[in-house]
């Protein structure tokens, strides 16, 4: 039977007075410096609290709760003069999961949420006010994915891709966009600089405008051609490594299990220690690896 996963919080959210919620860390001024606090404050002011706070009953005091997740939201609620808020009651005193294991929303996901809000009748000005951004950014963002193939969007939908990277992708034809998205995911690199490098390695026939030359400041046309060939070679070698990765990992896993069984034998371990101490040390390091 499949192992059942226990829910980490009570199914029903409850309203709690803010004075009963105790933060487990101090609100840091740099939260404001990076603009996160201002954005949250604007959102709570305009549309209310979207995501409930997560709290855990305080065992050292009655009628109080430890705040596991939502310190910035709590500060915003206090600044706006609110006296109570909606909370989820956690069943475990686990702040690590909420603060370190939560996937942050990506640019493409944010775009889809904005488009859904616009389709629902919200105006650009209202969304901009709720997110505390310039309305021009919302208007410009409506066309964020125009010119990007749907399959490339699907590959990058939850990745930290940047707006400038997407602009580079728009210069390529659909098949090359898909290849580029796969390369970025495989290399876990979504920066504009990497996108530009992939653009340089793209043959002219795979560009939307083949007549437009790829220019690099300080580089001659011959340099650009050489870089294009080098990028093609790197991509080919990278795909070769990627194709062999699964088989190599499987073989290494089998070798690791075999070495572990060998080291469990006292006679084998003693023989290696007496004759091949350096080799034994390498075997022990391999056997101790938890992930390959």
Protein backbone atom coordinates (compact mmCIF):
# COMPACT_ATOMS: atom_id res chain seq x y z
CA UNK A 1 0.00 0.00 0.00
CA UNK A 2 1.15 3.53 -0.73
CA UNK A 3 2.38 5.43 2.28
CA UNK A 4 -0.07 8.12 3.35
CA UNK A 5 1.24 11.66 3.73
CA UNK A 6 0.01 13.44 6.83
CA UNK A 7 -1.21 17.02 6.41
CA UNK A 8 1.03 19.49 8.19
CA UNK A 9 -1.73 21.84 9.30
CA UNK A 10 -5.36 21.88 10.39
CA UNK A 11 -7.86 21.72 7.52
CA UNK A 12 -9.85 24.74 8.67
CA UNK A 13 -8.32 28.22 8.84
CA UNK A 14 -9.18 30.38 11.86
CA UNK A 15 -9.29 34.11 12.63
CA UNK A 16 -6.79 35.11 15.32
CA UNK A 17 -6.09 38.45 17.01
CA UNK A 18 -2.75 39.88 15.92
CA UNK A 19 -1.72 40.37 19.55
CA UNK A 20 -1.79 36.60 20.06
CA UNK A 21 0.68 35.97 17.19
CA UNK A 22 4.34 35.94 18.28
CA UNK A 23 7.04 36.33 15.56
CA UNK A 24 9.95 33.90 15.82
CA UNK A 25 12.34 36.42 14.25
CA UNK A 26 12.64 40.19 14.18
CA UNK A 27 11.44 42.04 11.11
CA UNK A 28 14.58 43.04 9.20
CA UNK A 29 14.95 46.54 7.72
CA UNK A 30 16.46 45.09 4.54
CA UNK A 31 13.05 43.57 3.74
CA UNK A 32 11.99 47.13 2.95
CA UNK A 33 15.24 47.94 1.16
CA UNK A 34 14.63 45.27 -1.45
CA UNK A 35 11.06 46.44 -2.08
CA UNK A 36 9.42 43.24 -0.88
CA UNK A 37 7.70 44.84 2.08
CA UNK A 38 6.29 47.73 0.03
CA UNK A 39 4.85 45.28 -2.49
CA UNK A 40 3.22 43.16 0.22
CA UNK A 41 1.89 46.25 1.98
CA UNK A 42 0.31 47.55 -1.24
CA UNK A 43 -1.25 44.16 -2.00
CA UNK A 44 -2.77 43.78 1.49
CA UNK A 45 -4.07 47.35 1.38
CA UNK A 46 -5.75 46.95 -2.02
CA UNK A 47 -7.07 43.37 -2.08
CA UNK A 48 -6.56 42.05 1.45
CA UNK A 49 -4.54 39.07 2.64
CA UNK A 50 -4.23 36.43 -0.10
CA UNK A 51 -2.12 33.86 1.74
CA UNK A 52 -2.96 33.10 5.42
CA UNK A 53 -0.28 33.22 8.08
CA UNK A 54 0.97 29.89 9.38
CA UNK A 55 1.17 29.60 13.18
CA UNK A 56 1.84 26.95 15.81
CA UNK A 57 0.32 26.86 19.33
CA UNK A 58 2.76 28.27 21.89
CA UNK A 59 3.38 25.65 24.56
CA UNK A 60 4.86 28.20 26.96
CA UNK A 61 1.90 30.53 27.01
CA UNK A 62 -1.86 30.17 26.78
CA UNK A 63 -3.80 31.86 23.98
CA UNK A 64 -0.70 32.65 21.94
CA UNK A 65 0.80 31.27 18.74
CA UNK A 66 4.29 31.18 17.22
CA UNK A 67 4.46 32.63 13.71
CA UNK A 68 6.13 30.12 11.38
CA UNK A 69 5.47 31.85 8.05
CA UNK A 70 4.31 35.38 7.19
CA UNK A 71 6.44 37.87 9.12
CA UNK A 72 6.27 40.53 6.41
CA UNK A 73 2.52 40.04 6.02
CA UNK A 74 2.07 40.39 9.79
CA UNK A 75 4.04 43.64 9.77
CA UNK A 76 1.91 44.97 6.91
CA UNK A 77 -1.30 44.07 8.75
CA UNK A 78 -0.07 45.85 11.88
CA UNK A 79 0.89 48.96 9.90
CA UNK A 80 -2.56 49.04 8.30
CA UNK A 81 -4.21 48.93 11.71
CA UNK A 82 -5.73 45.46 11.40
CA UNK A 83 -6.56 43.65 14.62
CA UNK A 84 -7.07 40.07 13.41
CA UNK A 85 -6.18 37.87 10.45
CA UNK A 86 -6.80 34.47 8.91
CA UNK A 87 -4.32 31.77 9.98
CA UNK A 88 -3.51 28.14 9.31
CA UNK A 89 -2.69 26.13 12.46
CA UNK A 90 0.38 23.96 11.85
CA UNK A 91 0.54 20.54 13.50
CA UNK A 92 4.35 20.61 13.71
CA UNK A 93 6.71 23.31 14.97
CA UNK A 94 8.46 23.45 11.60
CA UNK A 95 9.48 26.87 10.30
CA UNK A 96 12.19 25.42 8.05
CA UNK A 97 9.81 23.95 5.48
CA UNK A 98 7.85 27.17 5.04
CA UNK A 99 10.91 29.44 4.82
CA UNK A 100 13.40 27.29 2.91
CA UNK A 101 11.40 24.77 0.88
CA UNK A 102 8.80 26.97 -0.78
CA UNK A 103 9.00 27.49 -4.54
CA UNK A 104 8.78 31.18 -5.34
CA UNK A 105 6.58 32.32 -8.19
CA UNK A 106 8.35 32.67 -11.53
CA UNK A 107 8.00 35.40 -14.15
CA UNK A 108 5.83 33.29 -16.46
CA UNK A 109 3.56 32.22 -13.59
CA UNK A 110 3.22 35.85 -12.53
CA UNK A 111 2.34 36.77 -16.12
CA UNK A 112 -0.42 34.17 -16.23
CA UNK A 113 -1.87 35.40 -12.94
CA UNK A 114 -1.92 38.98 -14.25
CA UNK A 115 -3.55 37.91 -17.53
CA UNK A 116 -6.17 35.96 -15.57
CA UNK A 117 -6.88 39.02 -13.43
CA UNK A 118 -7.24 41.19 -16.56
CA UNK A 119 -9.59 38.63 -18.11
CA UNK A 120 -11.63 38.74 -14.92
CA UNK A 121 -12.22 42.47 -15.31
CA UNK A 122 -9.41 43.99 -13.24
CA UNK A 123 -7.80 47.06 -14.76
CA UNK A 124 -4.08 47.56 -15.38
CA UNK A 125 -4.09 50.43 -12.89
CA UNK A 126 -5.70 48.33 -10.15
CA UNK A 127 -3.21 45.47 -10.64
CA UNK A 128 -0.27 47.89 -10.69
CA UNK A 129 -1.50 49.48 -7.47
CA UNK A 130 -1.93 46.10 -5.79
CA UNK A 131 1.60 45.03 -6.79
CA UNK A 132 3.11 48.44 -6.11
CA UNK A 133 4.60 48.73 -9.62
CA UNK A 134 4.34 51.22 -12.46
CA UNK A 135 1.23 50.68 -14.61
CA UNK A 136 3.46 50.80 -17.70
CA UNK A 137 5.09 47.57 -16.51
CA UNK A 138 1.71 45.81 -16.39
CA UNK A 139 0.79 47.06 -19.85
CA UNK A 140 4.16 46.00 -21.24
CA UNK A 141 3.92 42.65 -19.47
CA UNK A 142 0.73 41.73 -21.35
CA UNK A 143 2.93 41.00 -24.38
CA UNK A 144 5.62 39.16 -22.43
CA UNK A 145 5.12 35.81 -24.15
CA UNK A 146 4.19 37.06 -27.59
CA UNK A 147 6.57 35.41 -30.07
CA UNK A 148 7.54 32.58 -27.68
CA UNK A 149 6.53 29.06 -28.72
CA UNK A 150 4.04 27.38 -26.37
CA UNK A 151 6.32 24.37 -25.78
CA UNK A 152 9.21 26.64 -24.74
CA UNK A 153 6.85 28.46 -22.38
CA UNK A 154 5.76 25.13 -20.89
CA UNK A 155 9.39 24.15 -20.25
CA UNK A 156 10.19 27.45 -18.54
CA UNK A 157 6.85 28.07 -16.81
CA UNK A 158 8.16 27.59 -13.24
CA UNK A 159 11.78 28.61 -13.83
CA UNK A 160 13.45 31.89 -12.75
CA UNK A 161 13.72 33.14 -16.32
CA UNK A 162 14.14 36.90 -16.80
CA UNK A 163 12.33 39.32 -19.09
CA UNK A 164 15.57 40.12 -20.93
CA UNK A 165 16.16 36.40 -21.57
CA UNK A 166 12.70 36.09 -23.12
CA UNK A 167 13.47 39.06 -25.39
CA UNK A 168 16.51 37.20 -26.68
CA UNK A 169 14.43 34.07 -27.30
CA UNK A 170 12.04 36.07 -29.46
CA UNK A 171 14.84 36.59 -31.97
CA UNK A 172 14.88 32.84 -32.70
CA UNK A 173 12.50 30.52 -34.52
CA UNK A 174 10.27 28.12 -32.52
CA UNK A 175 12.45 24.98 -32.82
CA UNK A 176 15.51 26.87 -31.63
CA UNK A 177 13.49 28.41 -28.77
CA UNK A 178 12.60 24.92 -27.55
CA UNK A 179 16.24 23.80 -27.78
CA UNK A 180 17.31 26.93 -25.90
CA UNK A 181 14.76 26.33 -23.14
CA UNK A 182 15.96 22.73 -22.72
CA UNK A 183 19.60 23.85 -22.55
CA UNK A 184 18.82 26.47 -19.92
CA UNK A 185 16.97 23.93 -17.77
CA UNK A 186 19.73 21.32 -18.14
CA UNK A 187 22.39 23.86 -17.19
CA UNK A 188 20.20 25.58 -14.58
CA UNK A 189 21.20 28.90 -16.13
CA UNK A 190 18.53 31.43 -17.11
CA UNK A 191 20.62 34.59 -17.27
CA UNK A 192 20.62 37.13 -20.07
CA UNK A 193 24.34 36.53 -20.65
CA UNK A 194 23.76 32.81 -21.27
CA UNK A 195 20.84 33.58 -23.55
CA UNK A 196 23.07 35.93 -25.57
CA UNK A 197 25.72 33.20 -25.82
CA UNK A 198 23.12 30.77 -27.17
CA UNK A 199 21.98 33.42 -29.63
CA UNK A 200 25.54 33.73 -30.92
CA UNK A 201 25.62 29.98 -31.44
CA UNK A 202 22.39 30.01 -33.43
CA UNK A 203 22.73 29.61 -37.22
CA UNK A 204 21.24 32.42 -39.30
CA UNK A 205 18.53 30.15 -40.73
CA UNK A 206 17.15 29.61 -37.21
CA UNK A 207 16.74 33.33 -36.56
CA UNK A 208 13.47 35.20 -37.07
CA UNK A 209 15.38 37.82 -39.04
CA UNK A 210 18.36 36.05 -40.70
CA UNK A 211 19.47 39.27 -42.36
CA UNK A 212 20.07 40.89 -38.97
CA UNK A 213 23.68 40.31 -38.04
CA UNK A 214 24.56 39.27 -34.51
CA UNK A 215 26.80 42.00 -33.17
CA UNK A 216 29.05 41.81 -30.15
CA UNK A 217 30.71 45.02 -28.92
CA UNK A 218 34.46 44.95 -29.59
CA UNK A 219 34.28 41.81 -31.77
CA UNK A 220 34.79 41.53 -35.51
CA UNK A 221 32.51 39.55 -37.81
CA UNK A 222 35.15 36.79 -37.97
CA UNK A 223 35.19 36.59 -34.15
CA UNK A 224 31.42 36.19 -34.09
CA UNK A 225 31.58 33.37 -36.67
CA UNK A 226 34.25 31.60 -34.61
CA UNK A 227 32.18 31.95 -31.41
CA UNK A 228 29.16 30.58 -33.25
CA UNK A 229 31.10 27.45 -34.22
CA UNK A 230 32.44 27.05 -30.69
CA UNK A 231 28.93 27.30 -29.23
CA UNK A 232 27.70 24.66 -31.68
CA UNK A 233 30.50 22.35 -30.57
CA UNK A 234 29.77 22.97 -26.88
CA UNK A 235 26.06 22.28 -27.37
CA UNK A 236 26.82 19.03 -29.19
CA UNK A 237 29.21 17.88 -26.45
CA UNK A 238 26.74 18.90 -23.74
CA UNK A 239 23.96 16.85 -25.33
CA UNK A 240 26.31 13.88 -25.58
CA UNK A 241 27.07 14.08 -21.85
CA UNK A 242 23.38 14.53 -21.11
CA UNK A 243 22.44 11.42 -23.12
CA UNK A 244 24.98 9.30 -21.22
CA UNK A 245 24.18 10.74 -17.80
CA UNK A 246 21.33 8.34 -16.97
CA UNK A 247 23.27 5.20 -17.88
CA UNK A 248 26.40 6.39 -16.08
CA UNK A 249 24.42 7.18 -12.94
CA UNK A 250 22.82 3.71 -13.04
CA UNK A 251 26.21 2.03 -13.39
CA UNK A 252 27.74 4.14 -10.63
CA UNK A 253 24.84 3.25 -8.33
CA UNK A 254 25.44 -0.47 -8.95
CA UNK A 255 29.17 -0.03 -8.29
CA UNK A 256 28.45 1.85 -5.05
CA UNK A 257 26.16 -0.93 -3.77
CA UNK A 258 28.80 -3.55 -4.63
CA UNK A 259 31.55 -1.61 -2.81
CA UNK A 260 29.35 -1.23 0.24
CA UNK A 261 28.88 -5.01 0.37
CA UNK A 262 32.63 -5.52 0.02
CA UNK A 263 33.41 -3.13 2.87
CA UNK A 264 30.91 -4.96 5.09
CA UNK A 265 33.22 -7.99 4.89
CA UNK A 266 35.86 -7.62 7.67
CA UNK A 267 38.44 -9.74 5.78
CA UNK A 268 38.18 -7.66 2.62
CA UNK A 269 38.36 -4.42 4.56
CA UNK A 270 41.38 -5.59 6.53
CA UNK A 271 43.15 -6.72 3.35
CA UNK A 272 42.56 -3.35 1.68
CA UNK A 273 43.72 -1.51 4.79
CA UNK A 274 46.98 -3.46 4.88
CA UNK A 275 47.77 -3.45 1.15
CA UNK A 276 45.83 -0.62 -0.47
CA UNK A 277 45.05 2.02 2.18
CA UNK A 278 44.60 4.83 -0.36
CA UNK A 279 42.20 2.73 -2.43
CA UNK A 280 40.22 1.84 0.70
CA UNK A 281 39.86 5.54 1.52
CA UNK A 282 38.43 6.20 -1.97
CA UNK A 283 36.03 3.26 -1.60
CA UNK A 284 34.83 4.52 1.77
CA UNK A 285 34.15 7.99 0.38
CA UNK A 286 32.15 6.51 -2.53
CA UNK A 287 30.18 4.22 -0.20
CA UNK A 288 29.34 7.16 2.10
CA UNK A 289 27.75 9.24 -0.65
CA UNK A 290 24.02 9.66 -0.12
CA UNK A 291 23.34 11.02 -3.62
CA UNK A 292 25.20 10.42 -6.87
